[in-house]
């Protein structure tokens, strides 16, 4: 069985994230339960680096053995 490398909510692959855009991410545990109430803001470039270092699973980017970033939506472009 092949597993999709697409992010759950955006339906795009990690490599398609825009470097100069800030994304809202929800922190979830292994069981996909939301840990934090407020979304965390992370740039696309940081998410790509994290995915390359830690990998991804369940359509989310792995942060550690227990936590994942679930990329929900685009927020804005990073100011120059």
PDB file of N, CA and C in Angstrom:
ATOM      1  N   UNK A   1       0.841  -1.172   0.000  1.00  0.00           N
ATOM      2  CA  UNK A   1       0.000   0.000   0.000  1.00  0.00           C
ATOM      3  C   UNK A   1       0.891   1.243   0.000  1.00  0.00           C
ATOM      4  N   UNK A   2       0.600   2.200  -0.849  1.00  0.00           N
ATOM      5  CA  UNK A   2       1.343   3.450  -0.895  1.00  0.00           C
ATOM      6  C   UNK A   2       0.651   4.489  -0.034  1.00  0.00           C
ATOM      7  N   UNK A   3       1.451   5.249   0.683  1.00  0.00           N
ATOM      8  CA  UNK A   3       0.903   6.294   1.533  1.00  0.00           C
ATOM      9  C   UNK A   3       1.142   7.647   0.891  1.00  0.00           C
ATOM     10  N   UNK A   4       0.182   8.533   1.023  1.00  0.00           N
ATOM     11  CA  UNK A   4       0.285   9.861   0.451  1.00  0.00           C
ATOM     12  C   UNK A   4       1.254  10.712   1.265  1.00  0.00           C
ATOM     13  N   UNK A   5       2.057  11.497   0.592  1.00  0.00           N
ATOM     14  CA  UNK A   5       2.973  12.425   1.252  1.00  0.00           C
ATOM     15  C   UNK A   5       2.354  13.819   1.341  1.00  0.00           C
ATOM     16  N   UNK A   6       1.061  13.927   1.050  1.00  0.00           N
ATOM     17  CA  UNK A   6       0.400  15.228   1.077  1.00  0.00           C
ATOM     18  C   UNK A   6       0.005  15.608   2.499  1.00  0.00           C
ATOM     19  N   UNK A   7       0.000  16.914   2.747  1.00  0.00           N
ATOM     20  CA  UNK A   7      -0.445  17.421   4.040  1.00  0.00           C
ATOM     21  C   UNK A   7      -1.957  17.286   4.138  1.00  0.00           C
ATOM     22  N   UNK A   8      -2.460  17.004   5.320  1.00  0.00           N
ATOM     23  CA  UNK A   8      -3.877  16.689   5.531  1.00  0.00           C
ATOM     24  C   UNK A   8      -4.836  17.773   5.053  1.00  0.00           C
ATOM     25  N   UNK A   9      -4.598  19.015   5.435  1.00  0.00           N
ATOM     26  CA  UNK A   9      -5.569  20.074   5.164  1.00  0.00           C
ATOM     27  C   UNK A   9      -5.315  20.817   3.853  1.00  0.00           C
ATOM     28  N   UNK A  10      -4.058  21.012   3.498  1.00  0.00           N
ATOM     29  CA  UNK A  10      -3.747  21.782   2.296  1.00  0.00           C
ATOM     30  C   UNK A  10      -3.761  20.939   1.029  1.00  0.00           C
ATOM     31  N   UNK A  11      -3.680  19.609   1.174  1.00  0.00           N
ATOM     32  CA  UNK A  11      -3.665  18.685   0.030  1.00  0.00           C
ATOM     33  C   UNK A  11      -2.521  18.982  -0.939  1.00  0.00           C
ATOM     34  N   UNK A  12      -1.369  19.421  -0.395  1.00  0.00           N
ATOM     35  CA  UNK A  12      -0.166  19.611  -1.200  1.00  0.00           C
ATOM     36  C   UNK A  12       0.990  18.901  -0.503  1.00  0.00           C
ATOM     37  N   UNK A  13       2.056  18.650  -1.246  1.00  0.00           N
ATOM     38  CA  UNK A  13       3.239  18.038  -0.655  1.00  0.00           C
ATOM     39  C   UNK A  13       4.066  19.106   0.048  1.00  0.00           C
ATOM     40  N   UNK A  14       4.922  18.681   0.958  1.00  0.00           N
ATOM     41  CA  UNK A  14       5.750  19.615   1.731  1.00  0.00           C
ATOM     42  C   UNK A  14       6.613  20.464   0.806  1.00  0.00           C
ATOM     43  N   UNK A  15       7.153  19.858  -0.252  1.00  0.00           N
ATOM     44  CA  UNK A  15       8.034  20.608  -1.152  1.00  0.00           C
ATOM     45  C   UNK A  15       7.297  21.737  -1.881  1.00  0.00           C
ATOM     46  N   UNK A  16       5.968  21.712  -1.882  1.00  0.00           N
ATOM     47  CA  UNK A  16       5.176  22.751  -2.533  1.00  0.00           C
ATOM     48  C   UNK A  16       4.868  23.931  -1.611  1.00  0.00           C
ATOM     49  N   UNK A  17       5.261  23.850  -0.335  1.00  0.00           N
ATOM     50  CA  UNK A  17       5.068  24.977   0.580  1.00  0.00           C
ATOM     51  C   UNK A  17       5.921  26.149   0.100  1.00  0.00           C
ATOM     52  N   UNK A  18       5.408  27.363   0.264  1.00  0.00           N
ATOM     53  CA  UNK A  18       6.133  28.558  -0.166  1.00  0.00           C
ATOM     54  C   UNK A  18       7.046  29.027   0.957  1.00  0.00           C
ATOM     55  N   UNK A  19       8.318  29.269   0.639  1.00  0.00           N
ATOM     56  CA  UNK A  19       9.304  29.680   1.642  1.00  0.00           C
ATOM     57  C   UNK A  19       8.929  30.988   2.331  1.00  0.00           C
ATOM     58  N   UNK A  20       8.380  31.929   1.584  1.00  0.00           N
ATOM     59  CA  UNK A  20       8.113  33.264   2.122  1.00  0.00           C
ATOM     60  C   UNK A  20       6.691  33.431   2.659  1.00  0.00           C
ATOM     61  N   UNK A  21       6.055  32.345   3.029  1.00  0.00           N
ATOM     62  CA  UNK A  21       4.689  32.390   3.557  1.00  0.00           C
ATOM     63  C   UNK A  21       4.666  31.815   4.967  1.00  0.00           C
ATOM     64  N   UNK A  22       3.854  32.424   5.826  1.00  0.00           N
ATOM     65  CA  UNK A  22       3.672  31.919   7.185  1.00  0.00           C
ATOM     66  C   UNK A  22       2.444  31.011   7.187  1.00  0.00           C
ATOM     67  N   UNK A  23       2.570  29.855   7.833  1.00  0.00           N
ATOM     68  CA  UNK A  23       1.484  28.881   7.905  1.00  0.00           C
ATOM     69  C   UNK A  23       1.031  28.704   9.350  1.00  0.00           C
ATOM     70  N   UNK A  24      -0.275  28.528   9.541  1.00  0.00           N
ATOM     71  CA  UNK A  24      -0.826  28.202  10.854  1.00  0.00           C
ATOM     72  C   UNK A  24      -0.762  26.693  11.030  1.00  0.00           C
ATOM     73  N   UNK A  25      -0.199  26.254  12.156  1.00  0.00           N
ATOM     74  CA  UNK A  25      -0.050  24.830  12.437  1.00  0.00           C
ATOM     75  C   UNK A  25      -0.637  24.507  13.804  1.00  0.00           C
ATOM     76  N   UNK A  26      -1.329  23.396  13.886  1.00  0.00           N
ATOM     77  CA  UNK A  26      -1.862  22.914  15.158  1.00  0.00           C
ATOM     78  C   UNK A  26      -0.931  21.812  15.647  1.00  0.00           C
ATOM     79  N   UNK A  27      -0.560  21.873  16.928  1.00  0.00           N
ATOM     80  CA  UNK A  27       0.308  20.848  17.503  1.00  0.00           C
ATOM     81  C   UNK A  27      -0.561  19.684  17.956  1.00  0.00           C
ATOM     82  N   UNK A  28      -0.228  18.486  17.459  1.00  0.00           N
ATOM     83  CA  UNK A  28      -0.989  17.281  17.790  1.00  0.00           C
ATOM     84  C   UNK A  28      -0.052  16.194  18.317  1.00  0.00           C
ATOM     85  N   UNK A  29      -0.639  15.231  19.055  1.00  0.00           N
ATOM     86  CA  UNK A  29       0.151  14.095  19.537  1.00  0.00           C
ATOM     87  C   UNK A  29       0.004  12.916  18.574  1.00  0.00           C
ATOM     88  N   UNK A  30       0.568  11.769  18.933  1.00  0.00           N
ATOM     89  CA  UNK A  30       0.519  10.575  18.072  1.00  0.00           C
ATOM     90  C   UNK A  30      -0.900  10.138  17.748  1.00  0.00           C
ATOM     91  N   UNK A  31      -1.810  10.364  18.685  1.00  0.00           N
ATOM     92  CA  UNK A  31      -3.199   9.941  18.493  1.00  0.00           C
ATOM     93  C   UNK A  31      -4.032  11.012  17.795  1.00  0.00           C
ATOM     94  N   UNK A  32      -3.347  12.021  17.248  1.00  0.00           N
ATOM     95  CA  UNK A  32      -3.954  13.127  16.503  1.00  0.00           C
ATOM     96  C   UNK A  32      -4.810  14.033  17.376  1.00  0.00           C
ATOM     97  N   UNK A  33      -4.598  14.002  18.683  1.00  0.00           N
ATOM     98  CA  UNK A  33      -5.328  14.895  19.585  1.00  0.00           C
ATOM     99  C   UNK A  33      -4.602  16.228  19.658  1.00  0.00           C
ATOM    100  N   UNK A  34      -5.383  17.303  19.622  1.00  0.00           N
ATOM    101  CA  UNK A  34      -4.825  18.648  19.664  1.00  0.00           C
ATOM    102  C   UNK A  34      -4.235  18.926  21.048  1.00  0.00           C
ATOM    103  N   UNK A  35      -2.993  19.415  21.083  1.00  0.00           N
ATOM    104  CA  UNK A  35      -2.295  19.693  22.334  1.00  0.00           C
ATOM    105  C   UNK A  35      -2.482  21.153  22.751  1.00  0.00           C
ATOM    106  N   UNK A  36      -2.244  22.085  21.845  1.00  0.00           N
ATOM    107  CA  UNK A  36      -2.362  23.521  22.109  1.00  0.00           C
ATOM    108  C   UNK A  36      -3.674  24.043  21.534  1.00  0.00           C
ATOM    109  N   UNK A  37      -4.275  25.017  22.219  1.00  0.00           N
ATOM    110  CA  UNK A  37      -5.533  25.591  21.725  1.00  0.00           C
ATOM    111  C   UNK A  37      -5.303  26.550  20.565  1.00  0.00           C
ATOM    112  N   UNK A  38      -4.245  27.355  20.668  1.00  0.00           N
ATOM    113  CA  UNK A  38      -3.945  28.345  19.634  1.00  0.00           C
ATOM    114  C   UNK A  38      -2.980  27.760  18.600  1.00  0.00           C
ATOM    115  N   UNK A  39      -3.206  28.065  17.315  1.00  0.00           N
ATOM    116  CA  UNK A  39      -2.267  27.593  16.293  1.00  0.00           C
ATOM    117  C   UNK A  39      -0.910  28.294  16.417  1.00  0.00           C
ATOM    118  N   UNK A  40       0.136  27.610  15.979  1.00  0.00           N
ATOM    119  CA  UNK A  40       1.497  28.138  15.973  1.00  0.00           C
ATOM    120  C   UNK A  40       1.782  28.633  14.561  1.00  0.00           C
ATOM    121  N   UNK A  41       2.496  29.756  14.439  1.00  0.00           N
ATOM    122  CA  UNK A  41       2.837  30.303  13.131  1.00  0.00           C
ATOM    123  C   UNK A  41       4.274  29.933  12.777  1.00  0.00           C
ATOM    124  N   UNK A  42       4.448  29.271  11.622  1.00  0.00           N
ATOM    125  CA  UNK A  42       5.770  28.822  11.185  1.00  0.00           C
ATOM    126  C   UNK A  42       5.917  29.116   9.690  1.00  0.00           C
ATOM    127  N   UNK A  43       7.105  29.538   9.283  1.00  0.00           N
ATOM    128  CA  UNK A  43       7.335  29.831   7.865  1.00  0.00           C
ATOM    129  C   UNK A  43       7.458  28.530   7.069  1.00  0.00           C
ATOM    130  N   UNK A  44       7.171  28.632   5.791  1.00  0.00           N
ATOM    131  CA  UNK A  44       7.264  27.475   4.912  1.00  0.00           C
ATOM    132  C   UNK A  44       8.668  26.907   4.847  1.00  0.00           C
ATOM    133  N   UNK A  45       9.668  27.792   4.874  1.00  0.00           N
ATOM    134  CA  UNK A  45      11.062  27.347   4.825  1.00  0.00           C
ATOM    135  C   UNK A  45      11.397  26.499   6.048  1.00  0.00           C
ATOM    136  N   UNK A  46      10.966  26.930   7.237  1.00  0.00           N
ATOM    137  CA  UNK A  46      11.222  26.169   8.463  1.00  0.00           C
ATOM    138  C   UNK A  46      10.508  24.822   8.435  1.00  0.00           C
ATOM    139  N   UNK A  47       9.284  24.798   7.913  1.00  0.00           N
ATOM    140  CA  UNK A  47       8.538  23.540   7.826  1.00  0.00           C
ATOM    141  C   UNK A  47       9.229  22.548   6.889  1.00  0.00           C
ATOM    142  N   UNK A  48       9.758  23.043   5.774  1.00  0.00           N
ATOM    143  CA  UNK A  48      10.475  22.172   4.833  1.00  0.00           C
ATOM    144  C   UNK A  48      11.710  21.562   5.483  1.00  0.00           C
ATOM    145  N   UNK A  49      12.463  22.393   6.210  1.00  0.00           N
ATOM    146  CA  UNK A  49      13.677  21.910   6.881  1.00  0.00           C
ATOM    147  C   UNK A  49      13.315  20.870   7.932  1.00  0.00           C
ATOM    148  N   UNK A  50      12.272  21.149   8.707  1.00  0.00           N
ATOM    149  CA  UNK A  50      11.840  20.217   9.746  1.00  0.00           C
ATOM    150  C   UNK A  50      11.385  18.887   9.139  1.00  0.00           C
ATOM    151  N   UNK A  51      10.645  18.952   8.040  1.00  0.00           N
ATOM    152  CA  UNK A  51      10.177  17.729   7.376  1.00  0.00           C
ATOM    153  C   UNK A  51      11.355  16.919   6.835  1.00  0.00           C
ATOM    154  N   UNK A  52      12.377  17.614   6.342  1.00  0.00           N
ATOM    155  CA  UNK A  52      13.558  16.923   5.825  1.00  0.00           C
ATOM    156  C   UNK A  52      14.329  16.239   6.955  1.00  0.00           C
ATOM    157  N   UNK A  53      14.411  16.902   8.104  1.00  0.00           N
ATOM    158  CA  UNK A  53      15.160  16.352   9.235  1.00  0.00           C
ATOM    159  C   UNK A  53      14.383  15.266   9.976  1.00  0.00           C
ATOM    160  N   UNK A  54      13.107  15.505  10.248  1.00  0.00           N
ATOM    161  CA  UNK A  54      12.313  14.617  11.097  1.00  0.00           C
ATOM    162  C   UNK A  54      11.358  13.714  10.319  1.00  0.00           C
ATOM    163  N   UNK A  55      10.982  14.129   9.102  1.00  0.00           N
ATOM    164  CA  UNK A  55      10.039  13.349   8.309  1.00  0.00           C
ATOM    165  C   UNK A  55       8.601  13.753   8.577  1.00  0.00           C
ATOM    166  N   UNK A  56       7.679  12.986   8.024  1.00  0.00           N
ATOM    167  CA  UNK A  56       6.270  13.265   8.249  1.00  0.00           C
ATOM    168  C   UNK A  56       5.499  11.963   8.371  1.00  0.00           C
ATOM    169  N   UNK A  57       4.321  12.063   8.973  1.00  0.00           N
ATOM    170  CA  UNK A  57       3.476  10.899   9.186  1.00  0.00           C
ATOM    171  C   UNK A  57       2.054  11.382   9.400  1.00  0.00           C
ATOM    172  N   UNK A  58       1.094  10.599   9.001  1.00  0.00           N
ATOM    173  CA  UNK A  58      -0.330  10.933   9.144  1.00  0.00           C
ATOM    174  C   UNK A  58      -0.689  12.238   8.426  1.00  0.00           C
ATOM    175  N   UNK A  59       0.080  12.651   7.432  1.00  0.00           N
ATOM    176  CA  UNK A  59      -0.187  13.909   6.738  1.00  0.00           C
ATOM    177  C   UNK A  59       0.216  15.124   7.546  1.00  0.00           C
ATOM    178  N   UNK A  60       1.073  14.917   8.556  1.00  0.00           N
ATOM    179  CA  UNK A  60       1.554  16.004   9.401  1.00  0.00           C
ATOM    180  C   UNK A  60       3.076  15.941   9.448  1.00  0.00           C
ATOM    181  N   UNK A  61       3.710  17.058   9.784  1.00  0.00           N
ATOM    182  CA  UNK A  61       5.162  17.115   9.875  1.00  0.00           C
ATOM    183  C   UNK A  61       5.581  16.758  11.294  1.00  0.00           C
ATOM    184  N   UNK A  62       6.492  15.807  11.396  1.00  0.00           N
ATOM    185  CA  UNK A  62       6.952  15.339  12.710  1.00  0.00           C
ATOM    186  C   UNK A  62       7.823  16.413  13.360  1.00  0.00           C
ATOM    187  N   UNK A  63       7.528  16.720  14.633  1.00  0.00           N
ATOM    188  CA  UNK A  63       8.338  17.654  15.417  1.00  0.00           C
ATOM    189  C   UNK A  63       9.253  16.887  16.367  1.00  0.00           C
ATOM    190  N   UNK A  64       8.731  15.831  16.947  1.00  0.00           N
ATOM    191  CA  UNK A  64       9.501  14.954  17.835  1.00  0.00           C
ATOM    192  C   UNK A  64       8.860  13.571  17.774  1.00  0.00           C
ATOM    193  N   UNK A  65       9.278  12.671  18.642  1.00  0.00           N
ATOM    194  CA  UNK A  65       8.677  11.332  18.656  1.00  0.00           C
ATOM    195  C   UNK A  65       7.202  11.377  19.028  1.00  0.00           C
ATOM    196  N   UNK A  66       6.812  12.373  19.796  1.00  0.00           N
ATOM    197  CA  UNK A  66       5.445  12.448  20.312  1.00  0.00           C
ATOM    198  C   UNK A  66       4.580  13.518  19.652  1.00  0.00           C
ATOM    199  N   UNK A  67       5.196  14.559  19.084  1.00  0.00           N
ATOM    200  CA  UNK A  67       4.435  15.712  18.596  1.00  0.00           C
ATOM    201  C   UNK A  67       4.565  15.901  17.089  1.00  0.00           C
ATOM    202  N   UNK A  68       3.491  16.444  16.494  1.00  0.00           N
ATOM    203  CA  UNK A  68       3.435  16.705  15.063  1.00  0.00           C
ATOM    204  C   UNK A  68       2.847  18.087  14.813  1.00  0.00           C
ATOM    205  N   UNK A  69       3.290  18.735  13.721  1.00  0.00           N
ATOM    206  CA  UNK A  69       2.682  19.979  13.261  1.00  0.00           C
ATOM    207  C   UNK A  69       1.677  19.624  12.176  1.00  0.00           C
ATOM    208  N   UNK A  70       0.423  19.972  12.392  1.00  0.00           N
ATOM    209  CA  UNK A  70      -0.634  19.785  11.406  1.00  0.00           C
ATOM    210  C   UNK A  70      -0.840  21.130  10.720  1.00  0.00           C
ATOM    211  N   UNK A  71      -0.354  21.272   9.484  1.00  0.00           N
ATOM    212  CA  UNK A  71      -0.427  22.543   8.764  1.00  0.00           C
ATOM    213  C   UNK A  71      -1.869  22.753   8.312  1.00  0.00           C
ATOM    214  N   UNK A  72      -2.494  23.823   8.834  1.00  0.00           N
ATOM    215  CA  UNK A  72      -3.916  24.053   8.599  1.00  0.00           C
ATOM    216  C   UNK A  72      -4.160  24.987   7.419  1.00  0.00           C
ATOM    217  N   UNK A  73      -3.485  26.135   7.392  1.00  0.00           N
ATOM    218  CA  UNK A  73      -3.707  27.087   6.305  1.00  0.00           C
ATOM    219  C   UNK A  73      -2.567  28.090   6.209  1.00  0.00           C
ATOM    220  N   UNK A  74      -2.606  28.870   5.110  1.00  0.00           N
ATOM    221  CA  UNK A  74      -1.644  29.954   4.911  1.00  0.00           C
ATOM    222  C   UNK A  74      -2.128  31.160   5.685  1.00  0.00           C
ATOM    223  N   UNK A  75      -1.197  31.886   6.292  1.00  0.00           N
ATOM    224  CA  UNK A  75      -1.593  33.099   6.990  1.00  0.00           C
ATOM    225  C   UNK A  75      -1.252  34.318   6.155  1.00  0.00           C
ATOM    226  N   UNK A  76       0.015  34.518   5.873  1.00  0.00           N
ATOM    227  CA  UNK A  76       0.450  35.706   5.139  1.00  0.00           C
ATOM    228  C   UNK A  76       1.860  35.504   4.620  1.00  0.00           C
ATOM    229  N   UNK A  77       2.286  36.439   3.786  1.00  0.00           N
ATOM    230  CA  UNK A  77       3.670  36.428   3.309  1.00  0.00           C
ATOM    231  C   UNK A  77       4.562  37.027   4.381  1.00  0.00           C
ATOM    232  N   UNK A  78       5.798  36.558   4.446  1.00  0.00           N
ATOM    233  CA  UNK A  78       6.769  37.095   5.396  1.00  0.00           C
ATOM    234  C   UNK A  78       7.174  38.488   4.925  1.00  0.00           C
ATOM    235  N   UNK A  79       7.117  39.496   5.807  1.00  0.00           N
ATOM    236  CA  UNK A  79       7.519  40.846   5.388  1.00  0.00           C
ATOM    237  C   UNK A  79       9.014  40.903   5.084  1.00  0.00           C
ATOM    238  N   UNK A  80       9.380  41.707   4.094  1.00  0.00           N
ATOM    239  CA  UNK A  80      10.805  41.829   3.703  1.00  0.00           C
ATOM    240  C   UNK A  80      11.542  42.744   4.622  1.00  0.00           C
TER     241      UNK A  80
END
